[in-house]
Amino acid sequence: MPPEPISFAAAFAPALLDPTRDAPQIVTGPNGKAAGKRYDVYRNNVTVSLIDALAAIYPAVQRITGTDFFRAMARFHVRGSPPTSPLLFEYGRGFPDFIARYEHAQTMPWLADVARIERAWLDAYHARDATPLAPAQLAAVAPERLADLVLTPHPAAQIVCAEFSAVTIFAANRDSAPVSRIDASTPEDALITRPGFDVIVRHLPPGGAVFATSLAEGRPLGEAAASALDASPDFDIAANIAGLIEAGAFTSIAFGDA
C-alpha cells in the first residue's frame, strides 16, 4: 500500500522552532512561489509568543536575571521544548529543570527552585476549586482518634522543597519593590495553596514539608507526625496542623481504620 499523505500540520510544524531548517516545501506564496521569508516571520512570531508565555509564568525569574538574560535563556528552552497543549499556561513545565542545567545560570543555583515555586503558584491558581477544611471539623475529633486521622489534600495544595532560600527570593521578586541583599544559603520549603481566590505561598518550618507531604500522600496523622519528628526533633505538631488548616491545605477528614 502507498504511504498515507502527510497532513499540512505535520509538514508545517516541525521547522517552526528550528531556525536552521528550511521552510517546508508545502508552504507556498501567491502563484505557487516559495514563501521562505513569510514562514520565517511566522516562525519568529511563534518563538516570541512562547518566550512571552514563559515571562508571564516566571516573572520573578525574569526580574532576577533581567529581561535580556531571561529571553535568551527562554529562547534556548523554546527551541528544544515544543508545546504539547494548546493552552499557553500549560507551557514551560520543564523550564525549572532546564534552568538547573543551563550553563549561564550556574552562578544562581537557587534560580531553578524559584522557578519551581512560580510553576506551582500557577498550577494552584488554575486548580479546581474546593472548600477548605474548617478548624471546627478537626476540633470535633476525639483526641484518642487523632493519630488515625487521614486528611484529603486541597486540589491547589502543593509543596516545593528547595536547597536554597527560594521562598524568600520568590517573595522579594514578585512585585516591583526594591530588593535588599538576601542570604540564599538556607534551605526553605514552600507550601502553595489557594483556599479562596488568591494563591498563598508560605514558608514551612523544619519538618513541615515532611509532615505535609506525608498527609497529602494519605498517611495517618500519627505516622506523618512521627516522620516529621524524625526529620526535625523540635517539630511542633499542634502549630503545624493549625498552620496547614489555616492555609487551606486540606478539604476533608476520614479515619485510616475506616
C-alpha atoms as a PDB file:
ATOM      1  CA  MET A   1       0.000   0.000   0.000  1.00  0.00           C
ATOM      2  CA  PRO A   2       1.273   3.508  -0.735  1.00  0.00           C
ATOM      3  CA  PRO A   3       2.151   5.605   2.302  1.00  0.00           C
ATOM      4  CA  GLU A   4      -0.557   7.883   3.661  1.00  0.00           C
ATOM      5  CA  PRO A   5      -0.185  11.536   2.644  1.00  0.00           C
ATOM      6  CA  ILE A   6       1.400  13.793   5.243  1.00  0.00           C
ATOM      7  CA  SER A   7      -1.030  16.318   6.693  1.00  0.00           C
ATOM      8  CA  PHE A   8      -0.366  20.020   6.259  1.00  0.00           C
ATOM      9  CA  ALA A   9       0.123  20.475  10.029  1.00  0.00           C
ATOM     10  CA  ALA A  10       2.605  17.597  10.228  1.00  0.00           C
ATOM     11  CA  ALA A  11       4.633  19.117   7.404  1.00  0.00           C
ATOM     12  CA  PHE A  12       4.289  22.718   8.596  1.00  0.00           C
ATOM     13  CA  ALA A  13       5.108  22.422  12.304  1.00  0.00           C
ATOM     14  CA  PRO A  14       8.478  20.612  12.736  1.00  0.00           C
ATOM     15  CA  ALA A  15      10.631  23.516  11.463  1.00  0.00           C
ATOM     16  CA  LEU A  16       8.829  26.195  13.463  1.00  0.00           C
ATOM     17  CA  LEU A  17      11.192  26.077  16.435  1.00  0.00           C
ATOM     18  CA  ASP A  18      14.358  25.248  14.493  1.00  0.00           C
ATOM     19  CA  PRO A  19      15.752  28.250  12.588  1.00  0.00           C
ATOM     20  CA  THR A  20      18.376  26.048  10.896  1.00  0.00           C
ATOM     21  CA  ARG A  21      15.704  24.170   8.948  1.00  0.00           C
ATOM     22  CA  ASP A  22      14.345  25.364   5.634  1.00  0.00           C
ATOM     23  CA  ALA A  23      10.715  26.299   5.231  1.00  0.00           C
ATOM     24  CA  PRO A  24       8.591  23.256   4.349  1.00  0.00           C
ATOM     25  CA  GLN A  25       8.013  22.806   0.652  1.00  0.00           C
ATOM     26  CA  ILE A  26       4.291  22.607   1.323  1.00  0.00           C
ATOM     27  CA  VAL A  27       4.354  26.317   2.263  1.00  0.00           C
ATOM     28  CA  THR A  28       3.916  28.488  -0.833  1.00  0.00           C
ATOM     29  CA  GLY A  29       3.008  32.075  -1.622  1.00  0.00           C
ATOM     30  CA  PRO A  30       0.929  33.574  -4.387  1.00  0.00           C
ATOM     31  CA  ASN A  31       1.136  31.712  -7.696  1.00  0.00           C
ATOM     32  CA  GLY A  32       2.911  28.834  -6.008  1.00  0.00           C
ATOM     33  CA  LYS A  33       6.101  30.777  -5.314  1.00  0.00           C
ATOM     34  CA  ALA A  34       8.367  29.877  -2.406  1.00  0.00           C
ATOM     35  CA  ALA A  35       7.398  31.512   0.870  1.00  0.00           C
ATOM     36  CA  GLY A  36      10.513  31.087   2.980  1.00  0.00           C
ATOM     37  CA  LYS A  37      10.553  34.695   4.216  1.00  0.00           C
ATOM     38  CA  ARG A  38       6.891  34.548   5.187  1.00  0.00           C
ATOM     39  CA  TYR A  39       7.477  31.297   7.041  1.00  0.00           C
ATOM     40  CA  ASP A  40      10.452  32.852   8.863  1.00  0.00           C
ATOM     41  CA  VAL A  41       8.233  35.717  10.058  1.00  0.00           C
ATOM     42  CA  TYR A  42       5.649  33.252  11.343  1.00  0.00           C
ATOM     43  CA  ARG A  43       8.383  31.128  12.921  1.00  0.00           C
ATOM     44  CA  ASN A  44       9.744  34.152  14.773  1.00  0.00           C
ATOM     45  CA  ASN A  45       6.261  35.101  15.969  1.00  0.00           C
ATOM     46  CA  VAL A  46       5.731  31.599  17.391  1.00  0.00           C
ATOM     47  CA  THR A  47       9.046  31.726  19.242  1.00  0.00           C
ATOM     48  CA  VAL A  48       8.355  35.195  20.633  1.00  0.00           C
ATOM     49  CA  SER A  49       4.874  34.119  21.767  1.00  0.00           C
ATOM     50  CA  LEU A  50       6.301  31.160  23.691  1.00  0.00           C
ATOM     51  CA  ILE A  51       9.011  33.309  25.261  1.00  0.00           C
ATOM     52  CA  ASP A  52       6.319  35.808  26.294  1.00  0.00           C
ATOM     53  CA  ALA A  53       4.356  32.930  27.831  1.00  0.00           C
ATOM     54  CA  LEU A  54       7.379  31.900  29.891  1.00  0.00           C
ATOM     55  CA  ALA A  55       7.897  35.501  31.005  1.00  0.00           C
ATOM     56  CA  ALA A  56       4.286  35.633  32.200  1.00  0.00           C
ATOM     57  CA  ILE A  57       4.629  32.337  34.073  1.00  0.00           C
ATOM     58  CA  TYR A  58       8.023  33.128  35.642  1.00  0.00           C
ATOM     59  CA  PRO A  59       8.022  36.893  36.412  1.00  0.00           C
ATOM     60  CA  ALA A  60      10.269  36.577  39.475  1.00  0.00           C
ATOM     61  CA  VAL A  61      12.859  34.625  37.491  1.00  0.00           C
ATOM     62  CA  GLN A  62      12.824  37.311  34.794  1.00  0.00           C
ATOM     63  CA  ARG A  63      13.194  40.092  37.362  1.00  0.00           C
ATOM     64  CA  ILE A  64      16.149  38.317  38.966  1.00  0.00           C
ATOM     65  CA  THR A  65      18.005  37.652  35.712  1.00  0.00           C
ATOM     66  CA  GLY A  66      16.965  40.747  33.790  1.00  0.00           C
ATOM     67  CA  THR A  67      14.891  40.731  30.631  1.00  0.00           C
ATOM     68  CA  ASP A  68      17.711  40.157  28.125  1.00  0.00           C
ATOM     69  CA  PHE A  69      19.187  37.212  30.032  1.00  0.00           C
ATOM     70  CA  PHE A  70      15.762  35.691  30.588  1.00  0.00           C
ATOM     71  CA  ARG A  71      14.692  35.920  26.966  1.00  0.00           C
ATOM     72  CA  ALA A  72      17.961  34.459  25.715  1.00  0.00           C
ATOM     73  CA  MET A  73      17.639  31.555  28.165  1.00  0.00           C
ATOM     74  CA  ALA A  74      13.974  31.087  27.309  1.00  0.00           C
ATOM     75  CA  ARG A  75      14.741  31.010  23.584  1.00  0.00           C
ATOM     76  CA  PHE A  76      17.044  28.029  24.078  1.00  0.00           C
ATOM     77  CA  HIS A  77      14.336  26.266  26.070  1.00  0.00           C
ATOM     78  CA  VAL A  78      11.659  27.008  23.474  1.00  0.00           C
ATOM     79  CA  ARG A  79      13.729  25.579  20.641  1.00  0.00           C
ATOM     80  CA  GLY A  80      14.171  22.299  22.468  1.00  0.00           C
ATOM     81  CA  SER A  81      10.708  22.027  24.044  1.00  0.00           C
ATOM     82  CA  PRO A  82       7.735  22.476  21.721  1.00  0.00           C
ATOM     83  CA  PRO A  83       4.275  22.906  23.291  1.00  0.00           C
ATOM     84  CA  THR A  84       2.215  19.804  23.933  1.00  0.00           C
ATOM     85  CA  SER A  85      -1.009  21.648  24.807  1.00  0.00           C
ATOM     86  CA  PRO A  86      -2.957  24.424  23.071  1.00  0.00           C
ATOM     87  CA  LEU A  87      -3.198  26.193  26.455  1.00  0.00           C
ATOM     88  CA  LEU A  88      -0.263  28.555  26.926  1.00  0.00           C
ATOM     89  CA  PHE A  89      -0.439  28.403  30.737  1.00  0.00           C
ATOM     90  CA  GLU A  90       0.413  24.707  30.447  1.00  0.00           C
ATOM     91  CA  TYR A  91       3.645  25.527  28.643  1.00  0.00           C
ATOM     92  CA  GLY A  92       7.023  25.586  30.350  1.00  0.00           C
ATOM     93  CA  ARG A  93       6.651  22.826  32.944  1.00  0.00           C
ATOM     94  CA  GLY A  94      10.187  21.711  32.145  1.00  0.00           C
ATOM     95  CA  PHE A  95      11.630  25.213  32.371  1.00  0.00           C
ATOM     96  CA  PRO A  96      12.813  24.928  36.026  1.00  0.00           C
ATOM     97  CA  ASP A  97      14.788  21.772  35.212  1.00  0.00           C
ATOM     98  CA  PHE A  98      16.174  23.488  32.118  1.00  0.00           C
ATOM     99  CA  ILE A  99      17.306  26.415  34.284  1.00  0.00           C
ATOM    100  CA  ALA A 100      19.090  23.993  36.612  1.00  0.00           C
ATOM    101  CA  ARG A 101      21.073  22.679  33.619  1.00  0.00           C
ATOM    102  CA  TYR A 102      21.559  25.982  31.816  1.00  0.00           C
ATOM    103  CA  GLU A 103      25.259  26.799  31.716  1.00  0.00           C
ATOM    104  CA  HIS A 104      24.917  30.555  32.175  1.00  0.00           C
ATOM    105  CA  ALA A 105      22.623  30.219  35.214  1.00  0.00           C
ATOM    106  CA  GLN A 106      25.055  28.182  37.303  1.00  0.00           C
ATOM    107  CA  THR A 107      26.075  31.277  39.273  1.00  0.00           C
ATOM    108  CA  MET A 108      22.455  31.415  40.514  1.00  0.00           C
ATOM    109  CA  PRO A 109      21.940  27.860  41.834  1.00  0.00           C
ATOM    110  CA  TRP A 110      18.717  28.890  43.596  1.00  0.00           C
ATOM    111  CA  LEU A 111      17.076  30.167  40.405  1.00  0.00           C
ATOM    112  CA  ALA A 112      15.565  26.806  39.444  1.00  0.00           C
ATOM    113  CA  ASP A 113      13.941  26.486  42.873  1.00  0.00           C
ATOM    114  CA  VAL A 114      12.376  29.939  42.487  1.00  0.00           C
ATOM    115  CA  ALA A 115      11.039  28.813  39.112  1.00  0.00           C
ATOM    116  CA  ARG A 116       9.550  25.674  40.690  1.00  0.00           C
ATOM    117  CA  ILE A 117       7.653  27.823  43.177  1.00  0.00           C
ATOM    118  CA  GLU A 118       6.373  30.037  40.354  1.00  0.00           C
ATOM    119  CA  ARG A 119       5.199  26.981  38.399  1.00  0.00           C
ATOM    120  CA  ALA A 120       3.431  25.665  41.494  1.00  0.00           C
ATOM    121  CA  TRP A 121       1.853  29.102  42.011  1.00  0.00           C
ATOM    122  CA  LEU A 122       0.338  28.999  38.520  1.00  0.00           C
ATOM    123  CA  ASP A 123      -0.861  25.412  38.916  1.00  0.00           C
ATOM    124  CA  ALA A 124      -2.511  26.351  42.201  1.00  0.00           C
ATOM    125  CA  TYR A 125      -4.177  29.319  40.518  1.00  0.00           C
ATOM    126  CA  HIS A 126      -5.721  27.073  37.853  1.00  0.00           C
ATOM    127  CA  ALA A 127      -6.540  24.164  40.176  1.00  0.00           C
ATOM    128  CA  ARG A 128     -10.100  23.024  40.789  1.00  0.00           C
ATOM    129  CA  ASP A 129     -11.988  24.965  43.451  1.00  0.00           C
ATOM    130  CA  ALA A 130     -12.753  23.183  46.715  1.00  0.00           C
ATOM    131  CA  THR A 131     -13.959  24.198  50.172  1.00  0.00           C
ATOM    132  CA  PRO A 132     -11.102  24.054  52.703  1.00  0.00           C
ATOM    133  CA  LEU A 133     -11.414  22.022  55.872  1.00  0.00           C
ATOM    134  CA  ALA A 134     -12.890  24.108  58.682  1.00  0.00           C
ATOM    135  CA  PRO A 135     -10.983  24.180  62.009  1.00  0.00           C
ATOM    136  CA  ALA A 136     -14.182  23.114  63.811  1.00  0.00           C
ATOM    137  CA  GLN A 137     -14.221  19.829  61.876  1.00  0.00           C
ATOM    138  CA  LEU A 138     -10.822  18.938  63.227  1.00  0.00           C
ATOM    139  CA  ALA A 139     -11.605  20.173  66.712  1.00  0.00           C
ATOM    140  CA  ALA A 140     -14.598  17.817  66.843  1.00  0.00           C
ATOM    141  CA  VAL A 141     -12.379  14.717  66.539  1.00  0.00           C
ATOM    142  CA  ALA A 142     -11.871  12.826  69.804  1.00  0.00           C
ATOM    143  CA  PRO A 143      -8.234  13.072  70.982  1.00  0.00           C
ATOM    144  CA  GLU A 144      -7.804   9.300  71.032  1.00  0.00           C
ATOM    145  CA  ARG A 145      -8.689   9.139  67.334  1.00  0.00           C
ATOM    146  CA  LEU A 146      -6.372  11.896  66.091  1.00  0.00           C
ATOM    147  CA  ALA A 147      -3.488   9.533  65.283  1.00  0.00           C
ATOM    148  CA  ASP A 148      -5.698   7.631  62.817  1.00  0.00           C
ATOM    149  CA  LEU A 149      -6.932  10.755  61.076  1.00  0.00           C
ATOM    150  CA  VAL A 150      -6.442  10.933  57.287  1.00  0.00           C
ATOM    151  CA  LEU A 151      -6.767  14.295  55.540  1.00  0.00           C
ATOM    152  CA  THR A 152      -7.725  14.901  51.907  1.00  0.00           C
ATOM    153  CA  PRO A 153      -5.445  17.463  50.248  1.00  0.00           C
ATOM    154  CA  HIS A 154      -6.917  20.514  48.539  1.00  0.00           C
ATOM    155  CA  PRO A 155      -6.539  20.322  44.715  1.00  0.00           C
ATOM    156  CA  ALA A 156      -4.479  23.522  44.750  1.00  0.00           C
ATOM    157  CA  ALA A 157      -2.106  22.490  47.555  1.00  0.00           C
ATOM    158  CA  GLN A 158       1.499  21.865  46.531  1.00  0.00           C
ATOM    159  CA  ILE A 159       4.824  21.578  48.313  1.00  0.00           C
ATOM    160  CA  VAL A 160       8.183  22.674  46.919  1.00  0.00           C
ATOM    161  CA  CYS A 161      11.367  21.736  48.759  1.00  0.00           C
ATOM    162  CA  ALA A 162      14.360  23.917  47.958  1.00  0.00           C
ATOM    163  CA  GLU A 163      18.051  23.638  48.759  1.00  0.00           C
ATOM    164  CA  PHE A 164      18.281  27.420  48.943  1.00  0.00           C
ATOM    165  CA  SER A 165      16.244  30.352  50.292  1.00  0.00           C
ATOM    166  CA  ALA A 166      13.854  30.191  47.352  1.00  0.00           C
ATOM    167  CA  VAL A 167      10.739  31.241  49.272  1.00  0.00           C
ATOM    168  CA  THR A 168      12.365  34.461  50.447  1.00  0.00           C
ATOM    169  CA  ILE A 169      13.799  35.181  46.992  1.00  0.00           C
ATOM    170  CA  PHE A 170      10.453  34.422  45.329  1.00  0.00           C
ATOM    171  CA  ALA A 171       8.542  36.738  47.687  1.00  0.00           C
ATOM    172  CA  ALA A 172      11.027  39.555  47.206  1.00  0.00           C
ATOM    173  CA  ASN A 173      10.837  39.432  43.415  1.00  0.00           C
ATOM    174  CA  ARG A 174       7.131  39.031  42.665  1.00  0.00           C
ATOM    175  CA  ASP A 175       6.496  42.795  42.687  1.00  0.00           C
ATOM    176  CA  SER A 176       8.381  45.956  41.808  1.00  0.00           C
ATOM    177  CA  ALA A 177       9.516  46.881  45.322  1.00  0.00           C
ATOM    178  CA  PRO A 178      13.285  47.279  45.856  1.00  0.00           C
ATOM    179  CA  VAL A 179      15.080  44.074  46.862  1.00  0.00           C
ATOM    180  CA  SER A 180      17.710  44.101  49.582  1.00  0.00           C
ATOM    181  CA  ARG A 181      20.544  41.586  49.746  1.00  0.00           C
ATOM    182  CA  ILE A 182      19.349  38.052  50.575  1.00  0.00           C
ATOM    183  CA  ASP A 183      21.445  35.242  52.060  1.00  0.00           C
ATOM    184  CA  ALA A 184      20.346  32.369  49.825  1.00  0.00           C
ATOM    185  CA  SER A 185      22.247  29.631  51.649  1.00  0.00           C
ATOM    186  CA  THR A 186      19.461  28.458  53.980  1.00  0.00           C
ATOM    187  CA  PRO A 187      17.170  25.712  52.598  1.00  0.00           C
ATOM    188  CA  GLU A 188      13.495  26.687  52.547  1.00  0.00           C
ATOM    189  CA  ASP A 189      10.361  24.655  51.837  1.00  0.00           C
ATOM    190  CA  ALA A 190       7.188  26.193  50.442  1.00  0.00           C
ATOM    191  CA  LEU A 191       3.512  25.385  50.834  1.00  0.00           C
ATOM    192  CA  ILE A 192       1.438  26.767  47.964  1.00  0.00           C
ATOM    193  CA  THR A 193      -2.345  26.869  48.428  1.00  0.00           C
ATOM    194  CA  ARG A 194      -5.439  28.664  47.135  1.00  0.00           C
ATOM    195  CA  PRO A 195      -8.190  28.371  49.743  1.00  0.00           C
ATOM    196  CA  GLY A 196     -10.184  31.153  48.054  1.00  0.00           C
ATOM    197  CA  PHE A 197      -9.407  33.394  45.109  1.00  0.00           C
ATOM    198  CA  ASP A 198      -5.794  34.220  45.980  1.00  0.00           C
ATOM    199  CA  VAL A 199      -2.770  31.935  45.838  1.00  0.00           C
ATOM    200  CA  ILE A 200      -0.767  31.873  49.073  1.00  0.00           C
ATOM    201  CA  VAL A 201       2.895  30.857  49.388  1.00  0.00           C
ATOM    202  CA  ARG A 202       4.053  30.008  52.919  1.00  0.00           C
ATOM    203  CA  HIS A 203       7.486  29.190  54.254  1.00  0.00           C
ATOM    204  CA  LEU A 204       7.214  25.846  56.064  1.00  0.00           C
ATOM    205  CA  PRO A 205       9.189  25.326  59.293  1.00  0.00           C
ATOM    206  CA  PRO A 206      11.724  22.482  59.626  1.00  0.00           C
ATOM    207  CA  GLY A 207       9.874  19.174  59.357  1.00  0.00           C
ATOM    208  CA  GLY A 208       6.819  20.906  57.910  1.00  0.00           C
ATOM    209  CA  ALA A 209       7.350  19.682  54.364  1.00  0.00           C
ATOM    210  CA  VAL A 210       7.790  16.084  55.538  1.00  0.00           C
ATOM    211  CA  PHE A 211       4.634  16.385  57.628  1.00  0.00           C
ATOM    212  CA  ALA A 212       2.515  17.996  54.907  1.00  0.00           C
ATOM    213  CA  THR A 213       3.770  15.623  52.208  1.00  0.00           C
ATOM    214  CA  SER A 214       3.031  12.584  54.348  1.00  0.00           C
ATOM    215  CA  LEU A 215      -0.505  13.802  54.990  1.00  0.00           C
ATOM    216  CA  ALA A 216      -1.031  14.609  51.305  1.00  0.00           C
ATOM    217  CA  GLU A 217       0.053  11.068  50.434  1.00  0.00           C
ATOM    218  CA  GLY A 218      -2.721   9.695  52.643  1.00  0.00           C
ATOM    219  CA  ARG A 219      -0.689   8.643  55.654  1.00  0.00           C
ATOM    220  CA  PRO A 220      -2.469   8.887  59.041  1.00  0.00           C
ATOM    221  CA  LEU A 221      -1.745  11.877  61.217  1.00  0.00           C
ATOM    222  CA  GLY A 222       0.233   9.840  63.752  1.00  0.00           C
ATOM    223  CA  GLU A 223       2.576   8.429  61.100  1.00  0.00           C
ATOM    224  CA  ALA A 224       3.028  11.840  59.484  1.00  0.00           C
ATOM    225  CA  ALA A 225       3.910  13.389  62.838  1.00  0.00           C
ATOM    226  CA  ALA A 226       6.438  10.639  63.572  1.00  0.00           C
ATOM    227  CA  SER A 227       8.139  11.242  60.208  1.00  0.00           C
ATOM    228  CA  ALA A 228       8.268  14.986  60.859  1.00  0.00           C
ATOM    229  CA  LEU A 229       9.789  14.462  64.307  1.00  0.00           C
ATOM    230  CA  ASP A 230      12.436  12.178  62.793  1.00  0.00           C
ATOM    231  CA  ALA A 231      13.312  14.954  60.354  1.00  0.00           C
ATOM    232  CA  SER A 232      13.216  17.698  62.987  1.00  0.00           C
ATOM    233  CA  PRO A 233      13.139  16.803  66.717  1.00  0.00           C
ATOM    234  CA  ASP A 234      11.802  20.286  67.562  1.00  0.00           C
ATOM    235  CA  PHE A 235       8.817  19.904  65.246  1.00  0.00           C
ATOM    236  CA  ASP A 236       5.650  21.420  66.763  1.00  0.00           C
ATOM    237  CA  ILE A 237       2.768  19.145  65.742  1.00  0.00           C
ATOM    238  CA  ALA A 238      -0.084  21.332  67.001  1.00  0.00           C
ATOM    239  CA  ALA A 239       1.294  24.522  65.446  1.00  0.00           C
ATOM    240  CA  ASN A 240       1.873  22.837  62.103  1.00  0.00           C
ATOM    241  CA  ILE A 241      -1.597  21.296  61.960  1.00  0.00           C
ATOM    242  CA  ALA A 242      -3.094  24.699  62.746  1.00  0.00           C
ATOM    243  CA  GLY A 243      -0.960  26.311  60.055  1.00  0.00           C
ATOM    244  CA  LEU A 244      -1.979  23.781  57.396  1.00  0.00           C
ATOM    245  CA  ILE A 245      -5.669  24.174  58.229  1.00  0.00           C
ATOM    246  CA  GLU A 246      -5.374  27.961  58.214  1.00  0.00           C
ATOM    247  CA  ALA A 247      -3.662  27.796  54.807  1.00  0.00           C
ATOM    248  CA  GLY A 248      -6.490  25.693  53.389  1.00  0.00           C
ATOM    249  CA  ALA A 249      -4.242  22.754  52.537  1.00  0.00           C
ATOM    250  CA  PHE A 250      -6.961  20.103  53.144  1.00  0.00           C
ATOM    251  CA  THR A 251     -10.641  19.688  52.402  1.00  0.00           C
ATOM    252  CA  SER A 252     -11.956  16.761  54.463  1.00  0.00           C
ATOM    253  CA  ILE A 253     -11.085  14.150  57.072  1.00  0.00           C
ATOM    254  CA  ALA A 254     -11.557  10.413  57.418  1.00  0.00           C
ATOM    255  CA  PHE A 255     -10.019   7.676  59.525  1.00  0.00           C
ATOM    256  CA  GLY A 256      -7.341   5.234  58.487  1.00  0.00           C
ATOM    257  CA  ASP A 257      -9.170   2.319  60.091  1.00  0.00           C
ATOM    258  CA  ALA A 258     -12.462   3.149  58.351  1.00  0.00           C
END
